[in-house]
């Protein structure tokens, strides 16, 4: 939830680096859908923000994690 809030910028100032951190924390706590969120962020995130970089390899790893944990087809 916090990762989405930081990424969308509706409740907090938009910060993709913090959003990615919250998505990773959610993955560590067993939320497979957060693999998808982290992958999308790493693939299409805003590189103009300080400290954030896109990374296609890590995006692929997150999508693979979503697939292996059964959450790959949750998003359209």
PDB file of N, CA and C in Angstrom:
ATOM      1  N   UNK A   1       0.802  -1.187   0.000  1.00  0.00           N
ATOM      2  CA  UNK A   1       0.000   0.000   0.000  1.00  0.00           C
ATOM      3  C   UNK A   1       0.856   1.268   0.000  1.00  0.00           C
ATOM      4  N   UNK A   2       1.863   1.313   0.848  1.00  0.00           N
ATOM      5  CA  UNK A   2       2.711   2.504   0.906  1.00  0.00           C
ATOM      6  C   UNK A   2       3.508   2.673  -0.378  1.00  0.00           C
ATOM      7  N   UNK A   3       3.931   1.574  -0.968  1.00  0.00           N
ATOM      8  CA  UNK A   3       4.662   1.658  -2.234  1.00  0.00           C
ATOM      9  C   UNK A   3       3.814   2.285  -3.323  1.00  0.00           C
ATOM     10  N   UNK A   4       2.569   1.886  -3.398  1.00  0.00           N
ATOM     11  CA  UNK A   4       1.662   2.448  -4.398  1.00  0.00           C
ATOM     12  C   UNK A   4       1.401   3.927  -4.107  1.00  0.00           C
ATOM     13  N   UNK A   5       1.245   4.261  -2.835  1.00  0.00           N
ATOM     14  CA  UNK A   5       1.010   5.652  -2.454  1.00  0.00           C
ATOM     15  C   UNK A   5       2.194   6.539  -2.845  1.00  0.00           C
ATOM     16  N   UNK A   6       3.411   6.063  -2.632  1.00  0.00           N
ATOM     17  CA  UNK A   6       4.586   6.843  -3.023  1.00  0.00           C
ATOM     18  C   UNK A   6       4.727   6.913  -4.539  1.00  0.00           C
ATOM     19  N   UNK A   7       4.399   5.844  -5.228  1.00  0.00           N
ATOM     20  CA  UNK A   7       4.539   5.844  -6.682  1.00  0.00           C
ATOM     21  C   UNK A   7       3.502   6.743  -7.359  1.00  0.00           C
ATOM     22  N   UNK A   8       2.274   6.711  -6.886  1.00  0.00           N
ATOM     23  CA  UNK A   8       1.224   7.520  -7.493  1.00  0.00           C
ATOM     24  C   UNK A   8       1.310   8.988  -7.093  1.00  0.00           C
ATOM     25  N   UNK A   9       1.862   9.261  -5.919  1.00  0.00           N
ATOM     26  CA  UNK A   9       2.017  10.638  -5.474  1.00  0.00           C
ATOM     27  C   UNK A   9       0.733  11.295  -5.014  1.00  0.00           C
ATOM     28  N   UNK A  10      -0.258  10.498  -4.616  1.00  0.00           N
ATOM     29  CA  UNK A  10      -1.537  11.075  -4.181  1.00  0.00           C
ATOM     30  C   UNK A  10      -1.539  11.393  -2.689  1.00  0.00           C
ATOM     31  N   UNK A  11      -1.023  10.504  -1.863  1.00  0.00           N
ATOM     32  CA  UNK A  11      -0.988  10.745  -0.417  1.00  0.00           C
ATOM     33  C   UNK A  11       0.323  11.379   0.021  1.00  0.00           C
ATOM     34  N   UNK A  12       1.399  11.044  -0.681  1.00  0.00           N
ATOM     35  CA  UNK A  12       2.733  11.568  -0.382  1.00  0.00           C
ATOM     36  C   UNK A  12       3.300  12.177  -1.654  1.00  0.00           C
ATOM     37  N   UNK A  13       4.357  12.944  -1.511  1.00  0.00           N
ATOM     38  CA  UNK A  13       5.058  13.435  -2.692  1.00  0.00           C
ATOM     39  C   UNK A  13       5.614  12.231  -3.445  1.00  0.00           C
ATOM     40  N   UNK A  14       5.479  12.224  -4.760  1.00  0.00           N
ATOM     41  CA  UNK A  14       5.918  11.080  -5.560  1.00  0.00           C
ATOM     42  C   UNK A  14       7.417  10.839  -5.369  1.00  0.00           C
ATOM     43  N   UNK A  15       7.735   9.584  -5.039  1.00  0.00           N
ATOM     44  CA  UNK A  15       9.121   9.196  -4.819  1.00  0.00           C
ATOM     45  C   UNK A  15       9.252   7.727  -5.212  1.00  0.00           C
ATOM     46  N   UNK A  16       9.760   7.468  -6.424  1.00  0.00           N
ATOM     47  CA  UNK A  16       9.854   6.100  -6.923  1.00  0.00           C
ATOM     48  C   UNK A  16      10.892   5.272  -6.169  1.00  0.00           C
ATOM     49  N   UNK A  17      11.907   5.904  -5.637  1.00  0.00           N
ATOM     50  CA  UNK A  17      12.909   5.160  -4.867  1.00  0.00           C
ATOM     51  C   UNK A  17      12.300   4.609  -3.572  1.00  0.00           C
ATOM     52  N   UNK A  18      11.523   5.414  -2.881  1.00  0.00           N
ATOM     53  CA  UNK A  18      10.842   4.931  -1.670  1.00  0.00           C
ATOM     54  C   UNK A  18       9.778   3.895  -2.016  1.00  0.00           C
ATOM     55  N   UNK A  19       9.086   4.115  -3.128  1.00  0.00           N
ATOM     56  CA  UNK A  19       8.075   3.147  -3.568  1.00  0.00           C
ATOM     57  C   UNK A  19       8.724   1.797  -3.808  1.00  0.00           C
ATOM     58  N   UNK A  20       9.867   1.786  -4.474  1.00  0.00           N
ATOM     59  CA  UNK A  20      10.577   0.538  -4.728  1.00  0.00           C
ATOM     60  C   UNK A  20      10.997  -0.132  -3.427  1.00  0.00           C
ATOM     61  N   UNK A  21      11.451   0.653  -2.467  1.00  0.00           N
ATOM     62  CA  UNK A  21      11.806   0.107  -1.161  1.00  0.00           C
ATOM     63  C   UNK A  21      10.628  -0.561  -0.471  1.00  0.00           C
ATOM     64  N   UNK A  22       9.462   0.055  -0.544  1.00  0.00           N
ATOM     65  CA  UNK A  22       8.268  -0.533   0.078  1.00  0.00           C
ATOM     66  C   UNK A  22       7.801  -1.766  -0.685  1.00  0.00           C
ATOM     67  N   UNK A  23       7.930  -1.760  -2.010  1.00  0.00           N
ATOM     68  CA  UNK A  23       7.574  -2.956  -2.776  1.00  0.00           C
ATOM     69  C   UNK A  23       8.484  -4.121  -2.398  1.00  0.00           C
ATOM     70  N   UNK A  24       9.767  -3.843  -2.248  1.00  0.00           N
ATOM     71  CA  UNK A  24      10.708  -4.907  -1.864  1.00  0.00           C
ATOM     72  C   UNK A  24      10.410  -5.428  -0.460  1.00  0.00           C
ATOM     73  N   UNK A  25      10.063  -4.541   0.439  1.00  0.00           N
ATOM     74  CA  UNK A  25       9.699  -4.970   1.798  1.00  0.00           C
ATOM     75  C   UNK A  25       8.453  -5.846   1.754  1.00  0.00           C
ATOM     76  N   UNK A  26       7.508  -5.481   0.934  1.00  0.00           N
ATOM     77  CA  UNK A  26       6.295  -6.270   0.786  1.00  0.00           C
ATOM     78  C   UNK A  26       6.589  -7.649   0.208  1.00  0.00           C
ATOM     79  N   UNK A  27       7.516  -7.725  -0.736  1.00  0.00           N
ATOM     80  CA  UNK A  27       7.931  -9.021  -1.292  1.00  0.00           C
ATOM     81  C   UNK A  27       8.551  -9.882  -0.203  1.00  0.00           C
ATOM     82  N   UNK A  28       9.403  -9.280   0.619  1.00  0.00           N
ATOM     83  CA  UNK A  28      10.034 -10.040   1.715  1.00  0.00           C
ATOM     84  C   UNK A  28       9.007 -10.576   2.701  1.00  0.00           C
ATOM     85  N   UNK A  29       7.876  -9.893   2.800  1.00  0.00           N
ATOM     86  CA  UNK A  29       6.814 -10.337   3.708  1.00  0.00           C
ATOM     87  C   UNK A  29       5.809 -11.258   3.039  1.00  0.00           C
ATOM     88  N   UNK A  30       6.099 -11.698   1.821  1.00  0.00           N
ATOM     89  CA  UNK A  30       5.283 -12.717   1.179  1.00  0.00           C
ATOM     90  C   UNK A  30       4.212 -12.237   0.223  1.00  0.00           C
ATOM     91  N   UNK A  31       4.198 -10.975  -0.159  1.00  0.00           N
ATOM     92  CA  UNK A  31       3.197 -10.469  -1.093  1.00  0.00           C
ATOM     93  C   UNK A  31       3.715 -10.618  -2.517  1.00  0.00           C
ATOM     94  N   UNK A  32       3.208 -11.610  -3.239  1.00  0.00           N
ATOM     95  CA  UNK A  32       3.697 -11.911  -4.585  1.00  0.00           C
ATOM     96  C   UNK A  32       3.328 -10.823  -5.588  1.00  0.00           C
ATOM     97  N   UNK A  33       2.233 -10.119  -5.389  1.00  0.00           N
ATOM     98  CA  UNK A  33       1.818  -9.077  -6.328  1.00  0.00           C
ATOM     99  C   UNK A  33       2.816  -7.918  -6.330  1.00  0.00           C
ATOM    100  N   UNK A  34       3.520  -7.732  -5.245  1.00  0.00           N
ATOM    101  CA  UNK A  34       4.515  -6.663  -5.186  1.00  0.00           C
ATOM    102  C   UNK A  34       5.677  -6.902  -6.136  1.00  0.00           C
ATOM    103  N   UNK A  35       5.903  -8.150  -6.514  1.00  0.00           N
ATOM    104  CA  UNK A  35       6.884  -8.421  -7.567  1.00  0.00           C
ATOM    105  C   UNK A  35       6.493  -7.684  -8.845  1.00  0.00           C
ATOM    106  N   UNK A  36       5.213  -7.725  -9.181  1.00  0.00           N
ATOM    107  CA  UNK A  36       4.739  -7.035 -10.385  1.00  0.00           C
ATOM    108  C   UNK A  36       4.911  -5.526 -10.266  1.00  0.00           C
ATOM    109  N   UNK A  37       4.553  -4.990  -9.119  1.00  0.00           N
ATOM    110  CA  UNK A  37       4.680  -3.549  -8.916  1.00  0.00           C
ATOM    111  C   UNK A  37       6.135  -3.102  -9.009  1.00  0.00           C
ATOM    112  N   UNK A  38       7.022  -3.851  -8.390  1.00  0.00           N
ATOM    113  CA  UNK A  38       8.449  -3.511  -8.439  1.00  0.00           C
ATOM    114  C   UNK A  38       8.984  -3.634  -9.867  1.00  0.00           C
ATOM    115  N   UNK A  39       8.566  -4.674 -10.579  1.00  0.00           N
ATOM    116  CA  UNK A  39       9.006  -4.854 -11.962  1.00  0.00           C
ATOM    117  C   UNK A  39       8.553  -3.720 -12.860  1.00  0.00           C
ATOM    118  N   UNK A  40       7.284  -3.322 -12.719  1.00  0.00           N
ATOM    119  CA  UNK A  40       6.763  -2.204 -13.516  1.00  0.00           C
ATOM    120  C   UNK A  40       7.517  -0.915 -13.192  1.00  0.00           C
ATOM    121  N   UNK A  41       7.796  -0.703 -11.931  1.00  0.00           N
ATOM    122  CA  UNK A  41       8.507   0.500 -11.514  1.00  0.00           C
ATOM    123  C   UNK A  41       9.928   0.506 -12.068  1.00  0.00           C
ATOM    124  N   UNK A  42      10.604  -0.623 -12.006  1.00  0.00           N
ATOM    125  CA  UNK A  42      11.968  -0.695 -12.528  1.00  0.00           C
ATOM    126  C   UNK A  42      12.009  -0.581 -14.046  1.00  0.00           C
ATOM    127  N   UNK A  43      10.937  -0.923 -14.699  1.00  0.00           N
ATOM    128  CA  UNK A  43      10.883  -0.853 -16.155  1.00  0.00           C
ATOM    129  C   UNK A  43      10.468   0.534 -16.648  1.00  0.00           C
ATOM    130  N   UNK A  44       9.521   1.172 -15.946  1.00  0.00           N
ATOM    131  CA  UNK A  44       8.941   2.416 -16.453  1.00  0.00           C
ATOM    132  C   UNK A  44       9.008   3.591 -15.485  1.00  0.00           C
ATOM    133  N   UNK A  45       9.781   3.466 -14.418  1.00  0.00           N
ATOM    134  CA  UNK A  45       9.834   4.520 -13.403  1.00  0.00           C
ATOM    135  C   UNK A  45      10.438   5.819 -13.906  1.00  0.00           C
ATOM    136  N   UNK A  46      10.312   6.853 -13.120  1.00  0.00           N
ATOM    137  CA  UNK A  46      10.767   8.197 -13.468  1.00  0.00           C
ATOM    138  C   UNK A  46      12.244   8.365 -13.111  1.00  0.00           C
ATOM    139  N   UNK A  47      13.107   8.358 -14.126  1.00  0.00           N
ATOM    140  CA  UNK A  47      14.550   8.471 -13.896  1.00  0.00           C
ATOM    141  C   UNK A  47      14.995   9.877 -13.513  1.00  0.00           C
ATOM    142  N   UNK A  48      14.116  10.852 -13.662  1.00  0.00           N
ATOM    143  CA  UNK A  48      14.514  12.215 -13.316  1.00  0.00           C
ATOM    144  C   UNK A  48      14.565  12.420 -11.812  1.00  0.00           C
ATOM    145  N   UNK A  49      13.992  11.497 -11.051  1.00  0.00           N
ATOM    146  CA  UNK A  49      14.033  11.609  -9.590  1.00  0.00           C
ATOM    147  C   UNK A  49      15.418  11.227  -9.080  1.00  0.00           C
ATOM    148  N   UNK A  50      15.853  11.944  -8.079  1.00  0.00           N
ATOM    149  CA  UNK A  50      17.184  11.745  -7.522  1.00  0.00           C
ATOM    150  C   UNK A  50      17.344  10.340  -6.939  1.00  0.00           C
ATOM    151  N   UNK A  51      18.374   9.619  -7.384  1.00  0.00           N
ATOM    152  CA  UNK A  51      18.693   8.312  -6.827  1.00  0.00           C
ATOM    153  C   UNK A  51      18.005   7.137  -7.484  1.00  0.00           C
ATOM    154  N   UNK A  52      17.034   7.381  -8.363  1.00  0.00           N
ATOM    155  CA  UNK A  52      16.302   6.273  -8.984  1.00  0.00           C
ATOM    156  C   UNK A  52      16.824   6.015 -10.388  1.00  0.00           C
ATOM    157  N   UNK A  53      17.023   4.720 -10.706  1.00  0.00           N
ATOM    158  CA  UNK A  53      17.429   4.319 -12.048  1.00  0.00           C
ATOM    159  C   UNK A  53      16.592   3.145 -12.505  1.00  0.00           C
ATOM    160  N   UNK A  54      16.211   3.168 -13.764  1.00  0.00           N
ATOM    161  CA  UNK A  54      15.528   2.020 -14.344  1.00  0.00           C
ATOM    162  C   UNK A  54      16.533   0.895 -14.525  1.00  0.00           C
ATOM    163  N   UNK A  55      16.039  -0.326 -14.491  1.00  0.00           N
ATOM    164  CA  UNK A  55      16.925  -1.470 -14.667  1.00  0.00           C
ATOM    165  C   UNK A  55      16.110  -2.625 -15.247  1.00  0.00           C
ATOM    166  N   UNK A  56      16.332  -2.911 -16.527  1.00  0.00           N
ATOM    167  CA  UNK A  56      15.558  -3.945 -17.212  1.00  0.00           C
ATOM    168  C   UNK A  56      15.844  -5.338 -16.655  1.00  0.00           C
ATOM    169  N   UNK A  57      17.078  -5.606 -16.261  1.00  0.00           N
ATOM    170  CA  UNK A  57      17.419  -6.916 -15.716  1.00  0.00           C
ATOM    171  C   UNK A  57      16.688  -7.173 -14.407  1.00  0.00           C
ATOM    172  N   UNK A  58      16.702  -6.213 -13.494  1.00  0.00           N
ATOM    173  CA  UNK A  58      16.006  -6.385 -12.222  1.00  0.00           C
ATOM    174  C   UNK A  58      14.490  -6.397 -12.414  1.00  0.00           C
ATOM    175  N   UNK A  59      14.005  -5.668 -13.422  1.00  0.00           N
ATOM    176  CA  UNK A  59      12.575  -5.733 -13.737  1.00  0.00           C
ATOM    177  C   UNK A  59      12.217  -7.151 -14.166  1.00  0.00           C
ATOM    178  N   UNK A  60      13.050  -7.753 -15.018  1.00  0.00           N
ATOM    179  CA  UNK A  60      12.812  -9.123 -15.459  1.00  0.00           C
ATOM    180  C   UNK A  60      12.840 -10.092 -14.283  1.00  0.00           C
ATOM    181  N   UNK A  61      13.786  -9.913 -13.374  1.00  0.00           N
ATOM    182  CA  UNK A  61      13.885 -10.779 -12.194  1.00  0.00           C
ATOM    183  C   UNK A  61      12.614 -10.674 -11.351  1.00  0.00           C
ATOM    184  N   UNK A  62      12.082  -9.477 -11.215  1.00  0.00           N
ATOM    185  CA  UNK A  62      10.843  -9.301 -10.453  1.00  0.00           C
ATOM    186  C   UNK A  62       9.653  -9.930 -11.166  1.00  0.00           C
ATOM    187  N   UNK A  63       9.585  -9.791 -12.482  1.00  0.00           N
ATOM    188  CA  UNK A  63       8.507 -10.439 -13.232  1.00  0.00           C
ATOM    189  C   UNK A  63       8.618 -11.957 -13.131  1.00  0.00           C
ATOM    190  N   UNK A  64       9.826 -12.467 -13.139  1.00  0.00           N
ATOM    191  CA  UNK A  64      10.049 -13.908 -12.971  1.00  0.00           C
ATOM    192  C   UNK A  64       9.602 -14.356 -11.579  1.00  0.00           C
ATOM    193  N   UNK A  65       9.885 -13.550 -10.568  1.00  0.00           N
ATOM    194  CA  UNK A  65       9.428 -13.852  -9.214  1.00  0.00           C
ATOM    195  C   UNK A  65       7.908 -13.871  -9.125  1.00  0.00           C
ATOM    196  N   UNK A  66       7.268 -12.949  -9.823  1.00  0.00           N
ATOM    197  CA  UNK A  66       5.802 -12.929  -9.837  1.00  0.00           C
ATOM    198  C   UNK A  66       5.269 -14.182 -10.512  1.00  0.00           C
ATOM    199  N   UNK A  67       5.901 -14.581 -11.600  1.00  0.00           N
ATOM    200  CA  UNK A  67       5.456 -15.777 -12.326  1.00  0.00           C
ATOM    201  C   UNK A  67       5.610 -17.029 -11.468  1.00  0.00           C
ATOM    202  N   UNK A  68       6.744 -17.180 -10.805  1.00  0.00           N
ATOM    203  CA  UNK A  68       6.991 -18.369 -10.011  1.00  0.00           C
ATOM    204  C   UNK A  68       6.122 -18.422  -8.758  1.00  0.00           C
ATOM    205  N   UNK A  69       5.640 -17.270  -8.306  1.00  0.00           N
ATOM    206  CA  UNK A  69       4.785 -17.234  -7.121  1.00  0.00           C
ATOM    207  C   UNK A  69       3.298 -17.130  -7.463  1.00  0.00           C
ATOM    208  N   UNK A  70       2.969 -17.259  -8.743  1.00  0.00           N
ATOM    209  CA  UNK A  70       1.578 -17.324  -9.156  1.00  0.00           C
ATOM    210  C   UNK A  70       0.856 -15.998  -9.266  1.00  0.00           C
ATOM    211  N   UNK A  71       1.598 -14.895  -9.319  1.00  0.00           N
ATOM    212  CA  UNK A  71       0.936 -13.590  -9.389  1.00  0.00           C
ATOM    213  C   UNK A  71       1.119 -12.928 -10.735  1.00  0.00           C
ATOM    214  N   UNK A  72       1.638 -13.640 -11.712  1.00  0.00           N
ATOM    215  CA  UNK A  72       1.960 -12.986 -12.976  1.00  0.00           C
ATOM    216  C   UNK A  72       0.734 -12.505 -13.725  1.00  0.00           C
ATOM    217  N   UNK A  73      -0.368 -13.217 -13.655  1.00  0.00           N
ATOM    218  CA  UNK A  73      -1.539 -12.861 -14.435  1.00  0.00           C
ATOM    219  C   UNK A  73      -2.585 -12.101 -13.637  1.00  0.00           C
ATOM    220  N   UNK A  74      -2.190 -11.539 -12.493  1.00  0.00           N
ATOM    221  CA  UNK A  74      -3.127 -10.753 -11.685  1.00  0.00           C
ATOM    222  C   UNK A  74      -3.420  -9.433 -12.401  1.00  0.00           C
ATOM    223  N   UNK A  75      -2.389  -8.814 -13.004  1.00  0.00           N
ATOM    224  CA  UNK A  75      -2.575  -7.580 -13.746  1.00  0.00           C
ATOM    225  C   UNK A  75      -2.907  -7.909 -15.193  1.00  0.00           C
ATOM    226  N   UNK A  76      -3.620  -7.001 -15.851  1.00  0.00           N
ATOM    227  CA  UNK A  76      -3.964  -7.250 -17.243  1.00  0.00           C
ATOM    228  C   UNK A  76      -2.789  -7.001 -18.148  1.00  0.00           C
TER     229      UNK A  76
END
